[in-house]
């Protein structure tokens, strides 16, 4: 499943390994510069794909909010 969210592309796929385990492959890429924010080649958790996507969106929200707050604080220091 591929989802675009706030300028990021989240992709999560479920594949069976050679031993029969269900593995989830997750990648989060920033579309502006193709920077891999996260790449998790194997995850054997039993979570459904939509839950993994939802958690990835939460991580993106945290990163974006943190970045925005630090940029504002940096501007305040330059003005003073």
N, C-alpha and C. Protein backbone atom coordinates (compact mmCIF):
# COMPACT_ATOMS: atom_id res chain seq x y z
N UNK A 1 0.85 -1.17 0.00
CA UNK A 1 0.00 0.00 0.00
C UNK A 1 0.90 1.23 0.00
N UNK A 2 0.63 2.17 -0.88
CA UNK A 2 1.36 3.42 -0.98
C UNK A 2 0.44 4.57 -0.64
N UNK A 3 0.95 5.50 0.20
CA UNK A 3 0.16 6.65 0.62
C UNK A 3 1.06 7.88 0.56
N UNK A 4 0.56 8.99 0.02
CA UNK A 4 1.25 10.27 0.09
C UNK A 4 0.64 11.05 1.24
N UNK A 5 1.52 11.60 2.12
CA UNK A 5 1.04 12.29 3.31
C UNK A 5 2.00 13.43 3.64
N UNK A 6 1.52 14.66 3.61
CA UNK A 6 2.28 15.84 3.98
C UNK A 6 3.65 15.92 3.30
N UNK A 7 3.72 15.57 2.04
CA UNK A 7 4.97 15.66 1.31
C UNK A 7 5.88 14.45 1.48
N UNK A 8 5.35 13.37 2.02
CA UNK A 8 6.10 12.13 2.20
C UNK A 8 5.35 11.00 1.51
N UNK A 9 6.10 10.02 1.06
CA UNK A 9 5.49 8.82 0.50
C UNK A 9 5.74 7.67 1.47
N UNK A 10 4.67 7.07 1.94
CA UNK A 10 4.75 5.93 2.85
C UNK A 10 4.36 4.69 2.06
N UNK A 11 5.21 3.68 2.13
CA UNK A 11 4.91 2.44 1.44
C UNK A 11 5.11 1.28 2.40
N UNK A 12 4.10 0.45 2.50
CA UNK A 12 4.16 -0.74 3.35
C UNK A 12 3.67 -1.93 2.53
N UNK A 13 4.47 -2.98 2.53
CA UNK A 13 4.12 -4.19 1.79
C UNK A 13 4.28 -5.39 2.69
N UNK A 14 3.42 -6.36 2.50
CA UNK A 14 3.52 -7.62 3.25
C UNK A 14 3.94 -8.71 2.27
N UNK A 15 4.99 -9.44 2.64
CA UNK A 15 5.49 -10.55 1.83
C UNK A 15 5.73 -11.76 2.72
N UNK A 16 5.62 -12.91 2.16
CA UNK A 16 5.99 -14.14 2.87
C UNK A 16 7.47 -14.40 2.66
N UNK A 17 8.16 -14.72 3.74
CA UNK A 17 9.58 -15.05 3.62
C UNK A 17 9.71 -16.49 3.13
N UNK A 18 10.94 -16.88 2.86
CA UNK A 18 11.17 -18.24 2.39
C UNK A 18 10.81 -19.28 3.46
N UNK A 19 10.83 -18.86 4.72
CA UNK A 19 10.49 -19.78 5.80
C UNK A 19 9.01 -19.78 6.12
N UNK A 20 8.22 -18.92 5.44
CA UNK A 20 6.78 -18.91 5.64
C UNK A 20 6.26 -17.82 6.55
N UNK A 21 7.15 -16.99 7.12
CA UNK A 21 6.71 -15.90 7.99
C UNK A 21 6.18 -14.75 7.15
N UNK A 22 5.16 -14.06 7.67
CA UNK A 22 4.69 -12.82 7.05
C UNK A 22 5.60 -11.69 7.51
N UNK A 23 6.21 -10.98 6.57
CA UNK A 23 7.08 -9.85 6.88
C UNK A 23 6.50 -8.59 6.26
N UNK A 24 6.66 -7.47 6.95
CA UNK A 24 6.21 -6.18 6.44
C UNK A 24 7.44 -5.33 6.14
N UNK A 25 7.47 -4.77 4.94
CA UNK A 25 8.54 -3.87 4.52
C UNK A 25 7.96 -2.46 4.52
N UNK A 26 8.60 -1.54 5.24
CA UNK A 26 8.10 -0.17 5.38
C UNK A 26 9.17 0.80 4.92
N UNK A 27 8.77 1.80 4.13
CA UNK A 27 9.68 2.88 3.77
C UNK A 27 8.92 4.20 3.81
N UNK A 28 9.61 5.24 4.28
CA UNK A 28 9.07 6.59 4.32
C UNK A 28 10.08 7.47 3.60
N UNK A 29 9.64 8.12 2.52
CA UNK A 29 10.52 8.93 1.69
C UNK A 29 9.96 10.35 1.61
N UNK A 30 10.83 11.34 1.86
CA UNK A 30 10.42 12.73 1.69
C UNK A 30 10.47 13.06 0.20
N UNK A 31 9.37 13.51 -0.37
CA UNK A 31 9.26 13.70 -1.82
C UNK A 31 10.07 14.90 -2.33
N UNK A 32 10.34 15.89 -1.49
CA UNK A 32 11.04 17.08 -1.95
C UNK A 32 12.48 16.78 -2.39
N UNK A 33 13.15 15.84 -1.70
CA UNK A 33 14.54 15.54 -2.04
C UNK A 33 14.84 14.04 -2.07
N UNK A 34 13.80 13.20 -2.04
CA UNK A 34 13.94 11.74 -2.06
C UNK A 34 14.80 11.21 -0.91
N UNK A 35 14.73 11.86 0.23
CA UNK A 35 15.47 11.43 1.42
C UNK A 35 14.69 10.33 2.12
N UNK A 36 15.36 9.20 2.41
CA UNK A 36 14.72 8.11 3.14
C UNK A 36 14.67 8.48 4.61
N UNK A 37 13.50 8.78 5.10
CA UNK A 37 13.33 9.09 6.52
C UNK A 37 13.44 7.81 7.33
N UNK A 38 12.83 6.77 6.83
CA UNK A 38 12.89 5.48 7.50
C UNK A 38 12.78 4.37 6.48
N UNK A 39 13.58 3.36 6.70
CA UNK A 39 13.48 2.16 5.86
C UNK A 39 13.63 0.97 6.78
N UNK A 40 12.59 0.21 6.89
CA UNK A 40 12.59 -0.97 7.74
C UNK A 40 12.38 -2.18 6.85
N UNK A 41 13.45 -2.91 6.55
CA UNK A 41 13.31 -4.00 5.59
C UNK A 41 12.49 -5.17 6.08
N UNK A 42 12.45 -5.39 7.38
CA UNK A 42 11.68 -6.54 7.87
C UNK A 42 11.03 -6.23 9.20
N UNK A 43 9.78 -6.54 9.29
CA UNK A 43 9.04 -6.39 10.53
C UNK A 43 8.08 -7.57 10.59
N UNK A 44 8.22 -8.38 11.61
CA UNK A 44 7.39 -9.58 11.68
C UNK A 44 6.20 -9.40 12.61
N UNK A 45 5.85 -8.14 12.92
CA UNK A 45 4.71 -7.93 13.80
C UNK A 45 3.42 -8.32 13.09
N UNK A 46 2.41 -8.64 13.86
CA UNK A 46 1.14 -9.06 13.29
C UNK A 46 0.19 -7.90 13.03
N UNK A 47 0.70 -6.66 13.10
CA UNK A 47 -0.16 -5.50 12.87
C UNK A 47 -0.65 -5.46 11.42
N UNK A 48 -1.88 -5.03 11.23
CA UNK A 48 -2.38 -4.84 9.86
C UNK A 48 -1.65 -3.67 9.19
N UNK A 49 -1.64 -3.68 7.87
CA UNK A 49 -0.94 -2.65 7.10
C UNK A 49 -1.48 -1.26 7.43
N UNK A 50 -2.79 -1.10 7.58
CA UNK A 50 -3.34 0.23 7.84
C UNK A 50 -2.89 0.78 9.19
N UNK A 51 -2.63 -0.08 10.17
CA UNK A 51 -2.10 0.37 11.47
C UNK A 51 -0.65 0.82 11.33
N UNK A 52 0.12 0.13 10.52
CA UNK A 52 1.52 0.51 10.29
C UNK A 52 1.58 1.85 9.58
N UNK A 53 0.70 2.07 8.61
CA UNK A 53 0.62 3.35 7.90
C UNK A 53 0.22 4.46 8.87
N UNK A 54 -0.74 4.18 9.73
CA UNK A 54 -1.21 5.17 10.72
C UNK A 54 -0.08 5.57 11.66
N UNK A 55 0.72 4.61 12.12
CA UNK A 55 1.85 4.91 13.00
C UNK A 55 2.93 5.70 12.25
N UNK A 56 3.13 5.41 10.97
CA UNK A 56 4.10 6.16 10.18
C UNK A 56 3.65 7.62 10.03
N UNK A 57 2.36 7.84 9.87
CA UNK A 57 1.83 9.21 9.78
C UNK A 57 2.06 9.96 11.08
N UNK A 58 1.92 9.28 12.22
CA UNK A 58 2.19 9.91 13.51
C UNK A 58 3.65 10.33 13.61
N UNK A 59 4.56 9.48 13.12
CA UNK A 59 5.99 9.82 13.14
C UNK A 59 6.27 11.05 12.28
N UNK A 60 5.63 11.11 11.12
CA UNK A 60 5.81 12.26 10.24
C UNK A 60 5.29 13.53 10.91
N UNK A 61 4.15 13.45 11.57
CA UNK A 61 3.60 14.61 12.29
C UNK A 61 4.57 15.08 13.36
N UNK A 62 5.16 14.16 14.10
CA UNK A 62 6.12 14.54 15.14
C UNK A 62 7.35 15.22 14.54
N UNK A 63 7.87 14.69 13.47
CA UNK A 63 9.05 15.27 12.82
C UNK A 63 8.73 16.67 12.29
N UNK A 64 7.60 16.82 11.62
CA UNK A 64 7.22 18.11 11.06
C UNK A 64 6.98 19.15 12.16
N UNK A 65 6.30 18.77 13.23
CA UNK A 65 6.05 19.69 14.32
C UNK A 65 7.34 20.10 15.01
N UNK A 66 8.25 19.15 15.22
CA UNK A 66 9.53 19.43 15.85
C UNK A 66 10.34 20.39 14.98
N UNK A 67 10.37 20.15 13.68
CA UNK A 67 11.12 20.99 12.76
C UNK A 67 10.54 22.41 12.73
N UNK A 68 9.23 22.52 12.68
CA UNK A 68 8.59 23.83 12.64
C UNK A 68 8.88 24.61 13.91
N UNK A 69 8.83 23.98 15.08
CA UNK A 69 9.09 24.66 16.33
C UNK A 69 10.54 25.12 16.42
N UNK A 70 11.48 24.33 15.96
CA UNK A 70 12.89 24.71 16.01
C UNK A 70 13.20 25.84 15.04
N UNK A 71 12.55 25.88 13.88
CA UNK A 71 12.77 26.97 12.94
C UNK A 71 12.25 28.28 13.52
N UNK A 72 11.12 28.26 14.20
CA UNK A 72 10.56 29.46 14.82
C UNK A 72 11.49 29.96 15.92
N UNK A 73 11.99 29.06 16.76
CA UNK A 73 12.90 29.46 17.83
C UNK A 73 14.19 30.04 17.26
N UNK A 74 14.69 29.48 16.16
CA UNK A 74 15.90 29.98 15.54
C UNK A 74 15.70 31.39 15.00
N UNK A 75 14.52 31.68 14.44
CA UNK A 75 14.24 33.01 13.93
C UNK A 75 14.15 34.02 15.07
N UNK A 76 13.57 33.63 16.21
CA UNK A 76 13.45 34.53 17.35
C UNK A 76 14.84 34.92 17.85
N UNK A 77 15.77 33.98 17.86
CA UNK A 77 17.13 34.28 18.33
C UNK A 77 17.83 35.24 17.38
N UNK A 78 17.60 35.09 16.07
CA UNK A 78 18.25 35.97 15.10
C UNK A 78 17.73 37.40 15.19
N UNK A 79 16.44 37.56 15.51
CA UNK A 79 15.84 38.90 15.58
C UNK A 79 16.33 39.65 16.80
N UNK A 80 16.53 38.96 17.90
CA UNK A 80 16.93 39.62 19.15
C UNK A 80 18.32 40.10 19.11
